Protein backbone atom coordinates (compact mmCIF):
# COMPACT_ATOMS: atom_id res chain seq x y z
CA UNK A 1 -2.47 -12.11 29.45
CA UNK A 2 -1.02 -15.12 31.38
CA UNK A 3 0.84 -16.33 27.78
CA UNK A 4 1.95 -12.75 27.14
CA UNK A 5 3.36 -12.62 30.82
CA UNK A 6 5.32 -15.56 30.50
CA UNK A 7 6.39 -14.70 27.13
CA UNK A 8 8.18 -11.41 28.30
CA UNK A 9 9.70 -13.10 31.53
CA UNK A 10 11.69 -15.96 29.08
CA UNK A 11 12.88 -13.23 27.16
CA UNK A 12 14.32 -11.40 30.30
CA UNK A 13 15.31 -14.75 31.59
CA UNK A 14 17.38 -15.35 28.23
CA UNK A 15 18.69 -11.89 27.34
CA UNK A 16 20.47 -10.89 30.48
CA UNK A 17 17.35 -9.20 32.09
CA UNK A 18 15.87 -6.94 28.98
CA UNK A 19 12.99 -7.93 26.97
CA UNK A 20 13.13 -8.06 23.75
CA UNK A 21 9.72 -10.03 22.51
CA UNK A 22 6.85 -8.49 21.32
CA UNK A 23 3.62 -9.82 21.59
CA UNK A 24 1.04 -8.59 18.82
CA UNK A 25 -3.11 -8.82 19.42
CA UNK A 26 -6.34 -8.21 17.54
CA UNK A 27 -9.53 -6.87 19.18
CA UNK A 28 -8.24 -5.69 21.89
CA UNK A 29 -9.04 -3.49 24.63
CA UNK A 30 -7.58 -0.34 25.75
CA UNK A 31 -6.13 -1.74 28.97
CA UNK A 32 -4.54 -4.77 26.63
CA UNK A 33 -2.82 -2.54 24.55
CA UNK A 34 -0.62 -1.87 28.08
CA UNK A 35 0.74 -5.16 27.12
CA UNK A 36 0.55 -6.35 24.06
CA UNK A 37 0.77 -4.32 20.49
CA UNK A 38 -2.38 -4.40 18.51
CA UNK A 39 -2.53 -5.28 15.23
CA UNK A 40 -5.22 -4.07 12.38
CA UNK A 41 -5.41 -7.18 9.92
CA UNK A 42 -5.73 -5.23 6.44
CA UNK A 43 -6.89 -1.94 7.26
CA UNK A 44 -5.91 0.96 9.50
CA UNK A 45 -7.32 3.29 11.94
CA UNK A 46 -8.26 7.01 10.72
CA UNK A 47 -6.01 8.87 13.21
CA UNK A 48 -2.81 8.91 15.21
CA UNK A 49 -2.32 6.17 17.88
CA UNK A 50 -0.70 7.06 21.18
CA UNK A 51 0.61 4.06 20.99
CA UNK A 52 3.15 2.25 17.81
CA UNK A 53 0.77 -0.49 16.23
CA UNK A 54 0.96 -2.29 12.81
CA UNK A 55 -1.29 -3.45 9.74
CA UNK A 56 -0.48 -7.09 8.44
CA UNK A 57 -1.61 -7.06 5.07
CA UNK A 58 -1.05 -9.08 1.82
CA UNK A 59 -0.73 -8.27 -1.92
CA UNK A 60 -3.10 -11.54 -2.38
CA UNK A 61 -4.29 -14.00 -0.04
CA UNK A 62 -2.78 -15.60 2.75
CA UNK A 63 -1.54 -18.22 0.78
CA UNK A 64 -0.82 -18.67 -2.82
CA UNK A 65 -3.86 -18.77 -4.43
CA UNK A 66 -3.80 -19.33 -8.51
CA UNK A 67 -6.97 -17.79 -8.86
CA UNK A 68 -5.57 -14.73 -7.81
CA UNK A 69 -3.01 -14.49 -10.03
CA UNK A 70 -4.78 -15.70 -13.36
CA UNK A 71 -7.33 -12.60 -12.75
CA UNK A 72 -4.47 -10.07 -11.88
CA UNK A 73 -6.50 -9.97 -8.39
CA UNK A 74 -2.88 -8.90 -6.62
CA UNK A 75 -2.54 -4.80 -5.19
CA UNK A 76 -0.27 -3.15 -7.20
CA UNK A 77 2.96 -1.12 -6.14
CA UNK A 78 0.61 1.79 -5.84
CA UNK A 79 -2.17 0.22 -3.49
CA UNK A 80 1.01 -1.05 -1.11
CA UNK A 81 2.86 2.66 -0.85
CA UNK A 82 -0.87 4.76 -0.29
CA UNK A 83 -1.13 2.29 2.39
CA UNK A 84 2.14 2.25 3.67
CA UNK A 85 2.39 5.79 3.83
CA UNK A 86 -1.09 6.40 5.61
CA UNK A 87 0.02 3.66 8.66
CA UNK A 88 3.14 5.19 9.39
CA UNK A 89 1.59 8.64 9.67
CA UNK A 90 -0.32 7.03 12.07
CA UNK A 91 2.99 5.64 14.18
CA UNK A 92 1.97 2.54 12.64
CA UNK A 93 3.73 -0.50 11.03
CA UNK A 94 3.28 -2.45 7.89
CA UNK A 95 3.61 -6.23 7.95
CA UNK A 96 3.54 -7.40 4.19
CA UNK A 97 2.84 -10.56 3.25
CA UNK A 98 4.17 -12.01 -0.41
CA UNK A 99 2.02 -15.38 -0.82
CA UNK A 100 4.95 -17.91 -2.21
CA UNK A 101 4.34 -20.97 -4.50
CA UNK A 102 4.82 -24.77 -3.03
CA UNK A 103 7.98 -24.47 -4.11
CA UNK A 104 8.94 -21.15 -2.09
CA UNK A 105 9.07 -18.98 -5.26
CA UNK A 106 7.27 -15.83 -5.75
CA UNK A 107 5.55 -15.29 -9.26
CA UNK A 108 7.07 -12.98 -11.98
CA UNK A 109 3.76 -10.47 -11.32
CA UNK A 110 5.13 -10.23 -7.57
CA UNK A 111 8.02 -9.66 -8.81
CA UNK A 112 7.35 -6.40 -10.73
CA UNK A 113 5.11 -5.13 -8.05
CA UNK A 114 8.06 -6.14 -5.82
CA UNK A 115 10.47 -3.96 -7.84
CA UNK A 116 8.12 -1.06 -8.48
CA UNK A 117 7.86 -0.93 -4.93
CA UNK A 118 11.44 -0.71 -4.34
CA UNK A 119 12.32 1.97 -7.05
CA UNK A 120 9.85 4.45 -4.86
CA UNK A 121 11.15 3.10 -1.60
CA UNK A 122 14.83 3.60 -2.61
CA UNK A 123 14.04 7.43 -3.44
CA UNK A 124 11.89 7.78 -0.96
CA UNK A 125 12.99 5.89 1.87
CA UNK A 126 13.85 8.37 4.16
CA UNK A 127 10.17 9.96 4.69
CA UNK A 128 9.30 6.60 6.09
CA UNK A 129 12.02 5.08 7.53
CA UNK A 130 13.16 6.26 11.63
CA UNK A 131 10.31 8.85 11.21
CA UNK A 132 7.63 10.00 13.87
CA UNK A 133 4.12 11.50 13.27
CA UNK A 134 3.46 15.05 12.38
CA UNK A 135 0.66 16.60 14.72
CA UNK A 136 -1.38 15.73 12.09
CA UNK A 137 -1.41 12.17 10.33
CA UNK A 138 -2.83 14.28 6.41
CA UNK A 139 -5.49 16.08 5.19
CA UNK A 140 -8.42 15.12 2.16
CA UNK A 141 -11.54 13.50 2.02
CA UNK A 142 -10.49 9.99 3.04
CA UNK A 143 -8.82 11.97 6.26
CA UNK A 144 -11.65 13.82 6.81
CA UNK A 145 -13.88 10.76 7.03
CA UNK A 146 -14.87 8.59 9.43
CA UNK A 147 -13.30 5.49 8.78
CA UNK A 148 -14.55 2.47 11.18
CA UNK A 149 -12.63 -0.56 11.88
CA UNK A 150 -14.98 -3.64 11.19
CA UNK A 151 -13.80 -6.58 13.30
CA UNK A 152 -10.46 -6.78 13.30
CA UNK A 153 -9.53 -4.22 10.69
CA UNK A 154 -10.79 -4.95 6.83
CA UNK A 155 -10.94 -1.69 6.02
CA UNK A 156 -8.17 -0.86 3.83
CA UNK A 157 -10.54 -0.74 0.58
CA UNK A 158 -11.04 2.82 1.78
CA UNK A 159 -7.74 3.86 1.46
CA UNK A 160 -6.47 2.21 -1.95
CA UNK A 161 -8.93 4.90 -3.56
CA UNK A 162 -6.63 7.86 -2.47
CA UNK A 163 -5.91 10.67 -4.70
CA UNK A 164 -3.63 13.54 -5.47
CA UNK A 165 -5.28 15.58 -2.88
CA UNK A 166 -4.83 12.93 -0.19
CA UNK A 167 -1.63 14.08 1.65
CA UNK A 168 -0.21 12.29 4.74
CA UNK A 169 2.70 13.40 7.03
CA UNK A 170 6.12 12.42 9.30
CA UNK A 171 8.68 14.50 10.24
CA UNK A 172 12.14 13.83 11.08
CA UNK A 173 14.13 16.02 12.83
CA UNK A 174 13.54 19.47 11.30
CA UNK A 175 12.22 17.73 8.03
CA UNK A 176 8.16 17.72 7.50
CA UNK A 177 7.46 15.38 5.24
CA UNK A 178 4.34 15.64 3.12
CA UNK A 179 3.31 12.82 0.44
CA UNK A 180 0.87 13.32 -1.99
CA UNK A 181 -0.79 9.73 -2.39
CA UNK A 182 -0.91 9.80 -6.17
CA UNK A 183 0.47 12.52 -9.02
CA UNK A 184 -1.80 15.03 -9.79
CA UNK A 185 -2.46 15.74 -13.65
CA UNK A 186 -1.99 19.05 -13.73
CA UNK A 187 1.01 19.12 -11.56
CA UNK A 188 0.11 21.56 -8.82
CA UNK A 189 0.08 20.18 -5.19
CA UNK A 190 -1.87 22.66 -2.36
CA UNK A 191 -1.52 21.28 0.75
CA UNK A 192 -3.45 23.52 3.63
CA UNK A 193 -1.68 22.15 6.49
CA UNK A 194 1.13 23.98 5.31
CA UNK A 195 0.05 27.17 5.20
CA UNK A 196 1.67 28.78 8.35
CA UNK A 197 4.59 26.41 8.77
CA UNK A 198 7.69 28.15 8.76
CA UNK A 199 9.35 26.62 5.73
CA UNK A 200 13.00 27.15 4.21
CA UNK A 201 13.22 25.24 1.66
CA UNK A 202 11.53 22.50 -0.32
CA UNK A 203 12.70 19.49 -2.54
CA UNK A 204 10.82 17.13 -4.34
CA UNK A 205 12.78 13.62 -3.45
CA UNK A 206 14.40 12.19 -6.30
CA UNK A 207 14.69 15.71 -8.06
CA UNK A 208 16.11 18.50 -5.95
CA UNK A 209 15.20 22.10 -4.53
CA UNK A 210 12.05 23.49 -6.26
CA UNK A 211 10.05 26.97 -5.57
CA UNK A 212 7.09 27.44 -3.14
CA UNK A 213 4.61 29.58 -2.50
CA UNK A 214 2.55 30.16 0.80
CA UNK A 215 -0.05 32.18 1.43
CA UNK A 216 -3.42 32.31 4.55
CA UNK A 217 -5.04 29.56 3.02
CA UNK A 218 -2.07 26.95 1.36
CA UNK A 219 1.32 25.99 0.70
CA UNK A 220 1.99 25.22 -3.07
CA UNK A 221 4.25 24.32 -5.17
CA UNK A 222 4.52 23.08 -9.03
CA UNK A 223 5.65 19.28 -9.39
CA UNK A 224 8.52 20.12 -12.09
CA UNK A 225 8.30 16.07 -13.48
CA UNK A 226 7.13 13.14 -12.59
CA UNK A 227 10.00 11.26 -10.69
CA UNK A 228 8.50 7.98 -10.19
CA UNK A 229 5.81 5.75 -11.42
CA UNK A 230 3.61 6.33 -7.79
CA UNK A 231 3.22 9.07 -5.43
CA UNK A 232 5.79 12.62 -5.05
CA UNK A 233 7.55 13.14 -1.72
CA UNK A 234 8.22 16.63 -0.72
CA UNK A 235 10.61 17.14 1.70
CA UNK A 236 10.00 20.46 3.95
CA UNK A 237 12.81 22.22 5.90
CA UNK A 238 11.59 24.04 8.66
CA UNK A 239 13.43 27.20 10.55
CA UNK A 240 15.11 25.46 13.42
CA UNK A 241 13.84 28.24 15.74
CA UNK A 242 10.77 28.04 16.72
CA UNK A 243 7.92 30.51 15.97
CA UNK A 244 8.38 32.40 19.54
CA UNK A 245 11.94 32.78 18.82
CA UNK A 246 11.96 33.47 15.23
CA UNK A 247 9.53 36.50 16.02
CA UNK A 248 12.50 37.57 18.52
CA UNK A 249 14.86 37.82 16.07
CA UNK A 250 12.62 39.30 14.19
CA UNK A 251 11.92 42.26 16.31
CA UNK A 252 16.09 42.24 17.38
CA UNK A 253 16.92 42.69 13.91
CA UNK A 254 14.83 45.26 13.40
CA UNK A 255 15.55 47.36 16.30
CA UNK A 256 19.21 46.63 15.16
CA UNK A 257 18.82 48.00 11.87
CA UNK A 258 16.86 51.04 13.28
CA UNK A 259 19.98 51.63 14.95
CA UNK A 260 22.11 52.13 12.37
CA UNK A 261 20.05 53.98 10.30
CA UNK A 262 20.06 56.42 12.98
CA UNK A 263 23.87 56.63 13.29
CA UNK A 264 24.46 57.24 9.54
CA UNK A 265 21.91 59.45 8.64
């Protein structure tokens, strides 16, 4: 902690009184998280964290490894997206390492992964960048499981198994994003957590507006087509009015309409 204090004081002294330094630490006690950003190596907690945190991960080994290249041992672009979406839904940030060869270049397999991941982000980045966690991070078998962190992390293998029933949420203003961590085979998506949300319209990012239904059990859409190779993102535009305000508005509208009927009857 003395080293951390020195780093912050030095940053304040060299940046006109403002601290611009961040210190990360692994296997932290709660009191230490007041001063350091918790870093989880190759893993994630299975709940929303009050404080921002970070996952450090790699598509292969922490250094370039020819054996990993030869056996196709890299994480796929789909796996990277699953991990990223899950982490952001829990108030986290992902630091992703791409191991480089001795000459400082990446190989063609890494390039293909980055291009596929980049294509997904180009269309769906609004569901990631500048968003905040919703009241719950997600739903699905993995979201409902008790997934422990091993030492400083090392549980990301649990999340790479996620299918289309695994949903993750983020929000920005009146927009609530829902990402299925894979495309459903039947192109039907049902989300229980959105059954009672006041949603005015729904967009499939990369496509446009699509119809939706809501019942007491679930929110449901039929996805028109696969617009990327990895995962669909729904942009749910919510009514600006709160539920209490909406009920008041509905009541006043009903009263006004009743009075008009009486006047013209």
